[in-house]
Amino acid sequence: MSTVKITKENFNAEVMNSDRPVLIDFWAPWCGPCRMVSPIVDEIADEVSATVKVGKINIDEEPELASSFNVMSIPTLVVVKNGKIVNSAVGARPKQEILKLLNV
């Protein structure tokens, strides 16, 4: 399963009402570190699709969502479980560190 594009229109359905944890990648197309992390996040999405939903939020297209999560730098990775933030990390991370975020 690939990543889900999360917008303010589908945010509640995809994140807040999800029956499994959601890894959210806040990114922008002009962000070099985001472009490094993106293929890793895509790979993780394929590997954990049975237990975790993986979504991406383009901060340029969804500034309200970025603001609601207090995103100050990108890439920012956030794990939401049962509608609550349970883990987060700012900056490019190797795959193993991103996977550790999911062990909540």
Protein backbone atom coordinates (compact mmCIF):
# COMPACT_ATOMS: atom_id res chain seq x y z
CA MET A 1 0.00 0.00 0.00
CA SER A 2 1.40 3.36 -0.93
CA THR A 3 1.23 6.57 1.05
CA VAL A 4 -1.97 8.56 1.40
CA LYS A 5 -2.04 12.24 0.45
CA ILE A 6 -3.55 13.89 3.50
CA THR A 7 -5.47 17.14 3.10
CA LYS A 8 -7.68 19.11 5.44
CA GLU A 9 -10.64 17.54 3.63
CA ASN A 10 -9.65 13.92 4.41
CA PHE A 11 -7.66 14.53 7.63
CA ASN A 12 -10.33 13.36 10.08
CA ALA A 13 -11.13 10.22 8.10
CA GLU A 14 -7.51 9.28 7.36
CA VAL A 15 -5.84 10.30 10.64
CA MET A 16 -8.15 11.06 13.54
CA ASN A 17 -10.58 8.20 12.85
CA SER A 18 -7.97 5.68 11.68
CA ASP A 19 -8.20 2.21 13.22
CA ARG A 20 -4.39 1.95 13.17
CA PRO A 21 -1.49 4.28 13.92
CA VAL A 22 -0.68 6.87 11.24
CA LEU A 23 2.82 7.99 10.31
CA ILE A 24 2.60 11.49 8.83
CA ASP A 25 5.43 12.97 6.78
CA PHE A 26 5.24 16.79 6.64
CA TRP A 27 7.21 17.83 3.56
CA ALA A 28 7.55 20.29 0.67
CA PRO A 29 8.83 19.78 -2.90
CA TRP A 30 11.57 22.41 -2.48
CA CYS A 31 13.02 20.72 0.65
CA GLY A 32 16.21 18.74 -0.02
CA PRO A 33 16.10 16.63 3.17
CA CYS A 34 12.41 15.89 2.44
CA ARG A 35 13.40 14.48 -0.95
CA MET A 36 15.93 12.24 0.84
CA VAL A 37 13.35 10.96 3.34
CA SER A 38 10.46 10.54 0.89
CA PRO A 39 11.62 7.25 -0.72
CA ILE A 40 12.31 5.84 2.75
CA VAL A 41 8.80 6.76 3.88
CA ASP A 42 7.39 5.17 0.70
CA GLU A 43 9.34 1.98 1.41
CA ILE A 44 8.09 1.89 5.00
CA ALA A 45 4.52 2.39 3.76
CA ASP A 46 4.84 -0.74 1.64
CA GLU A 47 6.36 -2.75 4.51
CA VAL A 48 3.98 -1.82 7.35
CA SER A 49 0.71 -1.31 5.47
CA ALA A 50 -1.01 -4.09 7.43
CA THR A 51 -0.48 -2.35 10.77
CA VAL A 52 0.29 1.32 10.07
CA LYS A 53 -1.14 3.89 7.68
CA VAL A 54 1.44 6.24 6.14
CA GLY A 55 0.44 9.67 4.91
CA LYS A 56 2.12 12.76 3.54
CA ILE A 57 1.16 16.37 4.05
CA ASN A 58 2.59 18.99 1.69
CA ILE A 59 2.99 22.01 3.97
CA ASP A 60 2.71 24.44 1.05
CA GLU A 61 -0.70 23.02 0.13
CA GLU A 62 -1.90 22.44 3.71
CA PRO A 63 -0.47 25.23 5.89
CA GLU A 64 -3.36 24.91 8.39
CA LEU A 65 -2.50 21.26 9.10
CA ALA A 66 1.20 22.07 9.45
CA SER A 67 0.31 24.86 11.86
CA SER A 68 -2.02 22.64 13.91
CA PHE A 69 0.91 20.24 14.46
CA ASN A 70 3.29 23.15 15.22
CA VAL A 71 5.56 22.15 12.34
CA MET A 72 8.45 24.61 12.31
CA SER A 73 10.98 22.62 10.24
CA ILE A 74 10.67 19.93 7.63
CA PRO A 75 10.79 17.07 7.22
CA THR A 76 8.78 16.44 10.37
CA LEU A 77 7.52 12.92 11.04
CA VAL A 78 4.60 12.47 13.43
CA VAL A 79 2.92 9.28 14.64
CA VAL A 80 -0.75 9.64 15.58
CA LYS A 81 -2.52 6.82 17.41
CA ASN A 82 -6.15 6.99 18.52
CA GLY A 83 -6.25 10.66 17.55
CA LYS A 84 -3.25 11.62 19.71
CA ILE A 85 0.37 12.38 18.85
CA VAL A 86 2.46 9.58 20.35
CA ASN A 87 5.83 10.21 18.71
CA SER A 88 7.57 12.70 16.44
CA ALA A 89 10.94 13.57 14.94
CA VAL A 90 12.27 16.57 13.04
CA GLY A 91 14.83 16.30 10.27
CA ALA A 92 16.00 13.59 7.92
CA ARG A 93 16.23 10.20 9.60
CA PRO A 94 17.51 6.80 8.50
CA LYS A 95 14.94 4.06 7.96
CA GLN A 96 15.65 2.29 11.27
CA GLU A 97 15.02 5.48 13.26
CA ILE A 98 11.74 6.09 11.46
CA LEU A 99 10.68 2.50 12.15
CA LYS A 100 11.50 3.02 15.86
CA LEU A 101 9.01 5.90 15.92
CA LEU A 102 6.29 3.36 15.11
CA ASN A 103 7.04 1.16 18.13
CA VAL A 104 4.63 2.98 20.39
